[in-house]
N, C-alpha and C. Protein backbone atom coordinates (compact mmCIF):
# COMPACT_ATOMS: atom_id res chain seq x y z
N MET A 1 38.06 13.34 11.53
CA MET A 1 38.08 12.59 10.60
C MET A 1 37.64 14.28 9.47
N ARG A 2 38.14 14.81 8.34
CA ARG A 2 38.34 15.74 7.35
C ARG A 2 37.24 15.35 6.51
N ILE A 3 36.32 16.10 5.86
CA ILE A 3 36.30 15.96 4.15
C ILE A 3 36.76 17.47 3.33
N HIS A 4 37.57 16.05 1.98
CA HIS A 4 38.27 17.10 1.41
C HIS A 4 37.70 18.12 0.63
N ARG A 5 37.86 19.20 0.29
CA ARG A 5 37.16 20.56 -0.42
C ARG A 5 36.46 20.42 -1.24
N SER A 6 36.79 19.03 -2.64
CA SER A 6 36.00 18.65 -3.25
C SER A 6 35.60 18.33 -3.10
N ASN A 7 35.04 17.11 -2.04
CA ASN A 7 33.96 16.46 -1.46
C ASN A 7 32.96 17.48 -0.81
N ALA A 8 33.12 18.18 -0.21
CA ALA A 8 32.03 18.55 0.63
C ALA A 8 31.68 19.91 -0.43
N LYS A 9 32.43 20.64 -1.50
CA LYS A 9 31.39 20.67 -2.80
C LYS A 9 30.05 19.99 -3.45
N VAL A 10 30.46 18.16 -3.56
CA VAL A 10 29.81 17.17 -3.50
C VAL A 10 29.00 17.24 -3.29
N LEU A 11 28.81 17.25 -1.78
CA LEU A 11 28.42 16.94 -0.12
C LEU A 11 27.47 18.05 -0.10
N GLY A 12 27.63 19.40 -0.42
CA GLY A 12 26.79 20.48 -0.80
C GLY A 12 26.07 20.68 -1.91
N GLY A 13 26.31 20.10 -2.90
CA GLY A 13 25.63 20.35 -4.32
C GLY A 13 24.16 19.07 -4.04
N LEU A 14 24.62 17.95 -2.98
CA LEU A 14 23.68 16.96 -3.86
C LEU A 14 23.13 17.85 -2.76
N GLY A 15 23.29 17.85 -1.31
CA GLY A 15 22.27 18.63 -0.04
C GLY A 15 20.86 19.84 -1.10
N GLY A 16 21.80 20.21 -1.59
CA GLY A 16 20.60 21.09 -2.29
C GLY A 16 20.08 20.98 -2.77
N PHE A 17 20.12 19.54 -4.12
CA PHE A 17 19.26 19.04 -5.10
C PHE A 17 18.28 18.45 -4.30
N LEU A 18 18.38 17.43 -2.81
CA LEU A 18 17.75 16.86 -2.36
C LEU A 18 16.55 17.70 -1.95
N VAL A 19 17.03 19.22 -1.22
CA VAL A 19 16.23 20.17 -0.39
C VAL A 19 15.00 20.74 -1.89
N THR A 20 15.85 20.87 -2.78
CA THR A 20 15.64 21.48 -4.24
C THR A 20 13.63 19.96 -4.69
N TRP A 21 14.31 19.15 -4.94
CA TRP A 21 13.48 17.95 -5.27
C TRP A 21 12.22 17.75 -4.03
N LEU A 22 12.42 17.77 -2.70
CA LEU A 22 11.60 17.60 -1.74
C LEU A 22 10.67 18.82 -1.72
N TRP A 23 11.08 19.38 -2.02
CA TRP A 23 10.19 21.23 -2.19
C TRP A 23 9.33 21.03 -3.02
N LEU A 24 9.99 20.77 -4.48
CA LEU A 24 8.84 20.17 -5.38
C LEU A 24 7.68 19.09 -5.67
N ALA A 25 8.31 17.47 -4.12
CA ALA A 25 7.66 17.07 -4.57
C ALA A 25 6.74 17.30 -3.86
N GLY A 26 6.56 18.48 -2.70
CA GLY A 26 4.84 18.72 -1.97
C GLY A 26 5.07 18.51 -0.98
N PRO A 27 4.26 17.93 -0.49
CA PRO A 27 3.89 17.84 1.31
C PRO A 27 3.43 15.84 1.38
N LEU A 28 3.79 15.56 2.15
CA LEU A 28 3.92 13.84 1.86
C LEU A 28 2.38 13.59 2.11
N PRO A 29 1.51 12.18 1.73
CA PRO A 29 0.23 11.88 1.54
C PRO A 29 0.19 11.71 3.13
N GLY A 30 -1.20 12.43 3.61
CA GLY A 30 -1.76 12.43 5.14
C GLY A 30 -1.30 13.32 5.87
N ALA A 31 0.06 14.28 5.10
CA ALA A 31 0.19 15.32 6.33
C ALA A 31 -0.45 16.21 6.51
N GLY A 32 -1.51 16.41 6.15
CA GLY A 32 -2.50 18.33 5.71
C GLY A 32 -2.14 18.14 4.09
N ALA A 33 -1.52 16.71 3.09
CA ALA A 33 -2.29 17.28 1.74
C ALA A 33 -3.44 18.03 1.99
N ALA A 34 -2.56 19.46 0.63
CA ALA A 34 -3.93 20.28 -0.30
C ALA A 34 -4.90 19.57 -0.95
N ASP A 35 -6.35 19.18 -0.75
CA ASP A 35 -7.45 18.51 -0.99
C ASP A 35 -8.22 19.68 -1.76
N PRO A 36 -7.98 20.24 -3.65
CA PRO A 36 -8.31 21.29 -3.53
C PRO A 36 -10.13 20.37 -4.26
N LEU A 37 -10.15 19.24 -4.65
CA LEU A 37 -11.75 18.99 -4.75
C LEU A 37 -12.53 18.90 -3.66
N PHE A 38 -11.89 19.09 -2.63
CA PHE A 38 -12.79 18.75 -1.27
C PHE A 38 -12.86 20.20 -0.67
N ASP A 39 -11.70 21.03 -1.01
CA ASP A 39 -11.58 22.34 -0.39
C ASP A 39 -12.55 23.09 -1.19
N LYS A 40 -12.83 22.84 -2.43
CA LYS A 40 -14.13 24.20 -3.99
C LYS A 40 -15.13 23.24 -4.42
N GLN A 41 -15.28 21.73 -4.00
CA GLN A 41 -16.04 21.54 -4.13
C GLN A 41 -16.81 20.68 -3.25
N VAL A 42 -16.36 19.71 -2.15
CA VAL A 42 -17.42 19.12 -1.27
C VAL A 42 -17.39 20.00 0.11
N GLN A 43 -16.64 20.89 0.37
CA GLN A 43 -16.38 21.85 1.34
C GLN A 43 -18.25 22.65 1.54
N PRO A 44 -18.39 23.30 -0.09
CA PRO A 44 -19.34 23.64 0.35
C PRO A 44 -20.67 23.24 -0.01
N ILE A 45 -20.44 21.89 -0.39
CA ILE A 45 -22.03 20.94 -0.18
C ILE A 45 -21.75 20.22 1.39
N LEU A 46 -21.06 20.18 2.03
CA LEU A 46 -21.30 20.34 3.31
C LEU A 46 -21.78 21.76 3.91
N ASN A 47 -21.03 22.43 4.24
CA ASN A 47 -21.64 24.03 4.26
C ASN A 47 -22.99 23.75 4.41
N SER A 48 -23.53 24.16 3.25
CA SER A 48 -25.24 23.97 3.05
C SER A 48 -26.20 22.91 3.26
N SER A 49 -25.71 21.72 3.12
CA SER A 49 -26.72 21.27 3.56
C SER A 49 -26.13 20.09 5.41
N CYS A 50 -24.86 20.07 5.83
CA CYS A 50 -24.85 18.83 6.58
C CYS A 50 -24.07 19.61 8.23
N VAL A 51 -23.43 20.73 8.05
CA VAL A 51 -22.74 20.78 9.43
C VAL A 51 -23.82 22.02 10.27
N ARG A 52 -24.58 21.80 9.83
CA ARG A 52 -26.00 22.58 11.12
C ARG A 52 -26.43 21.68 12.03
N CYS A 53 -26.12 20.39 11.43
CA CYS A 53 -26.18 19.04 12.68
C CYS A 53 -25.11 18.69 12.87
N HIS A 54 -23.94 18.45 12.63
CA HIS A 54 -22.64 17.66 12.67
C HIS A 54 -21.52 18.60 12.09
N SER A 55 -21.41 19.30 13.17
CA SER A 55 -20.32 20.50 13.51
C SER A 55 -20.34 21.10 15.14
N GLY A 56 -19.40 21.60 16.01
CA GLY A 56 -19.74 22.20 17.12
C GLY A 56 -20.51 21.21 18.39
N ARG A 57 -20.96 22.33 18.83
CA ARG A 57 -21.66 21.58 19.95
C ARG A 57 -22.65 20.84 19.38
N LYS A 58 -23.72 21.14 18.21
CA LYS A 58 -24.34 19.75 17.71
C LYS A 58 -23.44 19.32 16.78
N ASN A 59 -23.19 18.45 17.39
CA ASN A 59 -22.22 16.99 16.96
C ASN A 59 -23.32 15.83 16.70
N ARG A 60 -23.93 15.69 15.83
CA ARG A 60 -25.08 14.49 16.15
C ARG A 60 -24.65 13.17 15.67
N GLY A 61 -24.70 12.36 16.51
CA GLY A 61 -23.85 10.78 16.34
C GLY A 61 -21.90 10.95 16.07
N GLY A 62 -21.61 11.81 16.88
CA GLY A 62 -20.53 12.09 16.79
C GLY A 62 -19.80 12.40 15.58
N LEU A 63 -20.47 12.84 14.78
CA LEU A 63 -19.93 13.08 13.44
C LEU A 63 -19.63 15.00 13.16
N ASP A 64 -18.54 14.96 13.20
CA ASP A 64 -18.12 15.93 13.01
C ASP A 64 -17.50 16.54 10.79
N LEU A 65 -18.43 17.35 10.76
CA LEU A 65 -17.66 17.66 8.70
C LEU A 65 -17.83 18.59 8.56
N SER A 66 -17.77 19.36 9.40
CA SER A 66 -17.00 21.29 9.94
C SER A 66 -15.78 20.95 9.14
N THR A 67 -14.44 20.47 9.09
CA THR A 67 -13.19 20.27 8.57
C THR A 67 -13.32 18.44 7.37
N ARG A 68 -12.60 18.77 6.99
CA ARG A 68 -11.70 17.46 5.95
C ARG A 68 -11.08 16.55 7.05
N GLU A 69 -10.05 17.21 7.97
CA GLU A 69 -10.08 16.40 8.64
C GLU A 69 -10.42 15.85 9.73
N LYS A 70 -11.70 16.69 10.60
CA LYS A 70 -12.99 16.07 11.32
C LYS A 70 -13.76 14.80 10.75
N LEU A 71 -14.19 15.09 8.95
CA LEU A 71 -14.94 14.25 8.55
C LEU A 71 -14.18 12.69 8.62
N LEU A 72 -12.52 12.89 7.96
CA LEU A 72 -11.97 11.59 8.08
C LEU A 72 -12.14 10.59 9.62
N LEU A 73 -11.89 11.36 10.70
CA LEU A 73 -12.08 10.93 11.94
C LEU A 73 -13.19 10.07 11.88
N GLY A 74 -14.55 10.07 11.48
CA GLY A 74 -15.72 9.16 11.36
C GLY A 74 -17.21 9.78 12.85
N GLY A 75 -17.37 9.23 13.28
CA GLY A 75 -18.24 9.10 14.07
C GLY A 75 -18.99 8.15 14.67
N ASP A 76 -20.18 8.39 15.56
CA ASP A 76 -20.18 6.94 16.70
C ASP A 76 -20.30 5.71 16.17
N SER A 77 -21.14 5.47 14.26
CA SER A 77 -21.32 4.80 14.15
C SER A 77 -19.83 3.88 13.07
N GLY A 78 -18.91 4.69 13.22
CA GLY A 78 -17.59 4.17 12.87
C GLY A 78 -16.82 5.47 11.76
N PRO A 79 -16.36 4.43 10.62
CA PRO A 79 -16.01 5.53 9.70
C PRO A 79 -16.82 5.94 8.64
N SER A 80 -17.04 7.51 8.27
CA SER A 80 -17.82 7.69 7.57
C SER A 80 -17.78 7.99 5.88
N VAL A 81 -16.40 7.55 6.31
CA VAL A 81 -16.37 7.52 4.36
C VAL A 81 -15.01 6.08 4.54
N VAL A 82 -14.61 5.06 3.59
CA VAL A 82 -14.12 4.37 2.81
C VAL A 82 -13.09 4.31 2.12
N PRO A 83 -11.99 5.04 2.18
CA PRO A 83 -11.12 5.84 1.43
C PRO A 83 -11.06 4.96 -0.08
N GLY A 84 -11.57 5.40 -1.13
CA GLY A 84 -11.72 4.73 -2.07
C GLY A 84 -12.32 4.16 -2.86
N LYS A 85 -13.41 3.50 -1.42
CA LYS A 85 -15.12 2.64 -1.17
C LYS A 85 -16.47 3.81 -1.87
N PRO A 86 -16.46 4.41 -2.33
CA PRO A 86 -18.46 5.54 -2.00
C PRO A 86 -18.77 4.54 -1.78
N ALA A 87 -19.02 3.49 -2.25
CA ALA A 87 -20.39 2.55 -2.75
C ALA A 87 -20.10 1.54 -1.32
N GLU A 88 -18.98 1.39 -0.24
CA GLU A 88 -19.27 1.03 1.22
C GLU A 88 -19.21 2.79 2.35
N SER A 89 -19.03 3.47 1.82
CA SER A 89 -19.30 4.41 2.46
C SER A 89 -20.57 4.90 3.65
N ILE A 90 -19.91 5.57 3.85
CA ILE A 90 -21.26 5.09 4.84
C ILE A 90 -22.49 6.91 4.77
N LEU A 91 -21.49 7.92 4.56
CA LEU A 91 -21.66 8.97 4.31
C LEU A 91 -22.79 9.41 3.00
N ILE A 92 -22.14 8.32 2.07
CA ILE A 92 -22.18 7.94 0.62
C ILE A 92 -24.04 7.28 0.36
N ASP A 93 -23.91 6.19 1.18
CA ASP A 93 -25.27 5.66 1.61
C ASP A 93 -26.13 6.08 2.45
N VAL A 94 -26.37 7.26 3.06
CA VAL A 94 -26.89 7.75 4.18
C VAL A 94 -27.83 9.14 2.88
N LEU A 95 -27.18 9.81 2.11
CA LEU A 95 -27.74 10.28 1.08
C LEU A 95 -28.52 9.67 -0.15
N ALA A 96 -28.50 8.44 -0.34
CA ALA A 96 -29.44 7.93 -1.40
C ALA A 96 -30.85 7.85 -0.89
N PRO A 97 -31.83 8.05 -2.06
CA PRO A 97 -33.60 8.46 -2.14
C PRO A 97 -33.66 7.74 -0.60
N ARG A 98 -33.21 6.46 -0.56
CA ARG A 98 -33.87 5.62 0.18
C ARG A 98 -32.68 5.23 1.35
N GLY A 99 -31.74 6.27 2.09
CA GLY A 99 -30.92 5.29 2.95
C GLY A 99 -31.07 5.54 4.35
N LYS A 100 -30.80 4.47 5.14
CA LYS A 100 -31.40 4.41 6.14
C LYS A 100 -30.53 4.99 6.88
N PRO A 101 -30.37 5.56 8.40
CA PRO A 101 -31.27 7.52 7.92
C PRO A 101 -30.61 8.05 6.44
N HIS A 102 -31.85 8.45 6.50
CA HIS A 102 -31.59 9.22 5.20
C HIS A 102 -31.33 11.37 4.99
N MET A 103 -30.17 11.07 5.20
CA MET A 103 -29.57 12.64 5.55
C MET A 103 -29.24 13.76 3.74
N PRO A 104 -30.01 14.41 3.99
CA PRO A 104 -30.44 15.09 5.11
C PRO A 104 -31.72 15.06 5.28
N PRO A 105 -32.36 15.00 6.48
CA PRO A 105 -33.33 14.21 6.73
C PRO A 105 -34.78 15.00 6.40
N LYS A 106 -34.89 16.06 5.41
CA LYS A 106 -35.97 16.67 5.27
C LYS A 106 -36.21 17.22 3.82
N LYS A 107 -34.86 16.92 2.88
CA LYS A 107 -35.05 16.71 1.72
C LYS A 107 -33.78 16.00 1.44
N GLN A 108 -33.58 15.94 0.30
CA GLN A 108 -33.06 14.62 -0.96
C GLN A 108 -32.09 16.01 -0.86
N MET A 109 -31.07 15.80 -1.03
CA MET A 109 -29.62 16.04 -1.66
C MET A 109 -29.33 16.41 -3.68
N PRO A 110 -28.95 17.23 -3.74
CA PRO A 110 -29.28 17.19 -5.47
C PRO A 110 -28.71 15.46 -6.00
N PRO A 111 -28.56 15.53 -6.99
CA PRO A 111 -28.08 14.55 -7.26
C PRO A 111 -26.63 14.98 -7.78
N ALA A 112 -26.67 15.94 -8.42
CA ALA A 112 -24.96 16.09 -8.70
C ALA A 112 -24.18 16.45 -7.94
N ALA A 113 -24.79 16.82 -6.28
CA ALA A 113 -23.99 16.68 -5.36
C ALA A 113 -23.40 15.49 -4.69
N ILE A 114 -24.20 14.54 -4.97
CA ILE A 114 -24.10 13.13 -4.10
C ILE A 114 -23.39 12.97 -5.24
N ALA A 115 -22.55 13.23 -6.18
CA ALA A 115 -21.52 12.57 -7.64
C ALA A 115 -20.62 13.21 -7.22
N ILE A 116 -20.59 14.13 -7.01
CA ILE A 116 -19.20 14.70 -6.18
C ILE A 116 -18.88 14.46 -5.44
N LEU A 117 -19.65 14.64 -4.30
CA LEU A 117 -19.28 13.62 -3.05
C LEU A 117 -18.67 11.73 -2.94
N THR A 118 -19.40 11.91 -4.10
CA THR A 118 -18.78 10.23 -4.54
C THR A 118 -17.57 9.91 -5.13
N ARG A 119 -17.53 11.05 -5.82
CA ARG A 119 -15.88 10.62 -6.65
C ARG A 119 -14.73 11.45 -5.79
N TRP A 120 -15.62 12.32 -4.75
CA TRP A 120 -13.94 12.83 -3.96
C TRP A 120 -13.81 11.85 -2.96
N VAL A 121 -15.01 10.60 -2.52
CA VAL A 121 -14.46 9.22 -1.92
C VAL A 121 -13.61 8.57 -2.16
N GLY A 122 -14.06 8.65 -3.89
CA GLY A 122 -13.05 7.74 -4.44
C GLY A 122 -11.70 7.83 -5.21
N THR A 123 -11.45 9.71 -4.64
CA THR A 123 -9.81 10.26 -4.75
C THR A 123 -8.88 9.03 -3.54
N LEU A 124 -9.68 9.07 -2.35
CA LEU A 124 -9.14 9.30 -1.04
C LEU A 124 -8.46 7.81 -1.48
N ARG A 125 -7.22 8.09 -0.75
CA ARG A 125 -6.04 6.95 0.02
C ARG A 125 -6.27 6.15 1.17
N ALA A 126 -6.60 5.20 2.11
CA ALA A 126 -5.76 5.11 3.24
C ALA A 126 -4.93 5.79 3.74
N SER A 127 -4.07 6.13 3.04
CA SER A 127 -2.58 7.00 4.02
C SER A 127 -3.31 8.80 4.10
N ASP A 128 -5.11 8.88 3.56
CA ASP A 128 -5.16 10.00 3.70
C ASP A 128 -5.69 10.13 5.65
N VAL A 129 -6.59 9.13 5.97
CA VAL A 129 -7.24 8.82 6.80
C VAL A 129 -6.23 9.09 7.89
N PRO A 130 -6.01 10.01 9.26
CA PRO A 130 -5.45 10.51 9.93
C PRO A 130 -4.92 9.51 11.08
N VAL A 131 -3.95 9.30 11.68
CA VAL A 131 -4.10 7.90 12.97
C VAL A 131 -4.93 8.75 14.00
N GLY A 132 -5.53 7.80 14.65
CA GLY A 132 -6.06 7.25 15.70
C GLY A 132 -7.86 8.22 14.78
N ALA A 133 -8.23 7.95 13.86
CA ALA A 133 -9.05 7.83 13.23
C ALA A 133 -10.64 6.71 13.64
N ASN A 134 -11.64 6.78 13.82
CA ASN A 134 -12.94 5.50 13.82
C ASN A 134 -13.01 4.63 13.58
N GLN A 135 -11.42 4.24 12.39
CA GLN A 135 -12.25 3.02 11.35
C GLN A 135 -12.47 1.76 11.69
N ASN A 136 -12.29 1.46 13.34
CA ASN A 136 -12.69 0.69 14.00
C ASN A 136 -13.68 0.08 14.70
N ALA A 137 -14.34 0.88 14.98
CA ALA A 137 -15.96 0.96 15.09
C ALA A 137 -16.36 0.17 14.67
N ALA A 138 -17.71 -0.50 15.01
CA ALA A 138 -18.72 -1.06 14.73
C ALA A 138 -19.43 -0.45 14.07
N PRO A 139 -19.73 -1.12 12.80
CA PRO A 139 -20.43 0.11 11.39
C PRO A 139 -22.14 0.27 12.09
N ASN A 140 -22.30 -0.38 13.02
CA ASN A 140 -24.13 -0.25 13.54
C ASN A 140 -24.27 0.38 14.19
N LYS A 141 -22.90 0.72 14.74
CA LYS A 141 -23.15 1.12 15.99
C LYS A 141 -23.39 2.82 15.90
N GLY A 142 -24.41 2.71 17.27
CA GLY A 142 -24.73 4.42 17.38
C GLY A 142 -25.91 4.69 16.36
N ARG A 143 -26.44 3.81 15.23
CA ARG A 143 -27.85 3.73 14.95
C ARG A 143 -28.51 3.83 15.09
N ALA A 144 -29.96 3.94 14.76
CA ALA A 144 -31.38 3.59 15.39
C ALA A 144 -31.52 2.43 15.60
N LYS A 145 -32.16 1.35 16.72
CA LYS A 145 -32.12 -0.02 17.06
C LYS A 145 -33.25 -0.17 17.13
N LYS A 146 -33.36 -1.25 16.43
CA LYS A 146 -35.31 -1.97 16.09
C LYS A 146 -35.93 -1.69 17.56
N LYS A 147 -37.38 -1.39 17.30
CA LYS A 147 -38.13 -1.42 19.13
C LYS A 147 -38.12 -3.19 19.12
N ARG A 148 -38.33 -3.25 20.16
CA ARG A 148 -39.38 -4.49 20.91
C ARG A 148 -40.59 -4.10 20.24
N GLY A 149 -40.55 -5.29 20.36
CA GLY A 149 -41.81 -5.59 20.09
C GLY A 149 -43.74 -5.82 21.39
N ARG A 150 -44.27 -5.75 21.36
CA ARG A 150 -44.83 -5.73 22.89
C ARG A 150 -45.15 -7.36 23.17
N ARG A 151 -44.93 -8.44 22.55
CA ARG A 151 -45.13 -9.23 23.25
C ARG A 151 -43.43 -9.59 23.68
N GLU A 152 -42.42 -8.93 22.70
CA GLU A 152 -40.81 -9.39 23.16
C GLU A 152 -40.43 -8.83 24.44
N ARG A 153 -41.09 -7.41 24.83
CA ARG A 153 -40.06 -6.78 25.91
C ARG A 153 -40.02 -7.62 27.27
N GLY A 154 -38.79 -6.75 27.66
CA GLY A 154 -38.80 -7.74 29.11
C GLY A 154 -38.11 -9.11 28.35
N ARG A 155 -38.43 -9.60 27.49
CA ARG A 155 -37.90 -11.27 27.00
C ARG A 155 -35.84 -10.92 26.59
N GLY A 156 -35.76 -9.88 26.29
CA GLY A 156 -34.43 -9.44 26.14
C GLY A 156 -34.33 -10.41 24.43
N ARG A 157 -35.22 -10.02 23.53
CA ARG A 157 -35.21 -10.45 22.23
C ARG A 157 -35.73 -9.19 21.49
N GLU A 158 -34.92 -9.04 20.69
CA GLU A 158 -35.53 -8.06 19.28
C GLU A 158 -36.66 -8.77 18.19
N ASP A 159 -37.67 -8.11 17.48
CA ASP A 159 -38.20 -8.24 16.38
C ASP A 159 -37.07 -8.47 15.03
N ASP A 160 -37.04 -9.41 14.58
CA ASP A 160 -36.26 -9.61 13.32
C ASP A 160 -37.20 -8.46 12.18
């Protein structure tokens, strides 16, 4: 089958249009898309308050906060963030003054920093979370368990 010259020009023009449109549209969601809010505001907060204990070899709770991608993977306690739902996100919950456990452990993060993190989690979409993220882990897995009372030890029950 041969393509007539006039049809080839139309196809060539259409191909150029598609390439230009895809270039202008930018990356697909969740495909390593740039996140200026994370890069300029969230990551510096995490670097100053969190990555000392949550990155590299010292990966407490199985949670690595050194990059956006690693944060979105979650940790031993399950997902660190619920896209678009900061009130349901462990990351935001533990930063509250009465969060259990409280992070950072020895000081309270400034309210302005918590507000930035909360706003960022609110902007996330489910498509931002990478495939293979720890989104199905039990929400309390990895958190401190209640200690058994003196009478309850050995009986296999925990105090309420």
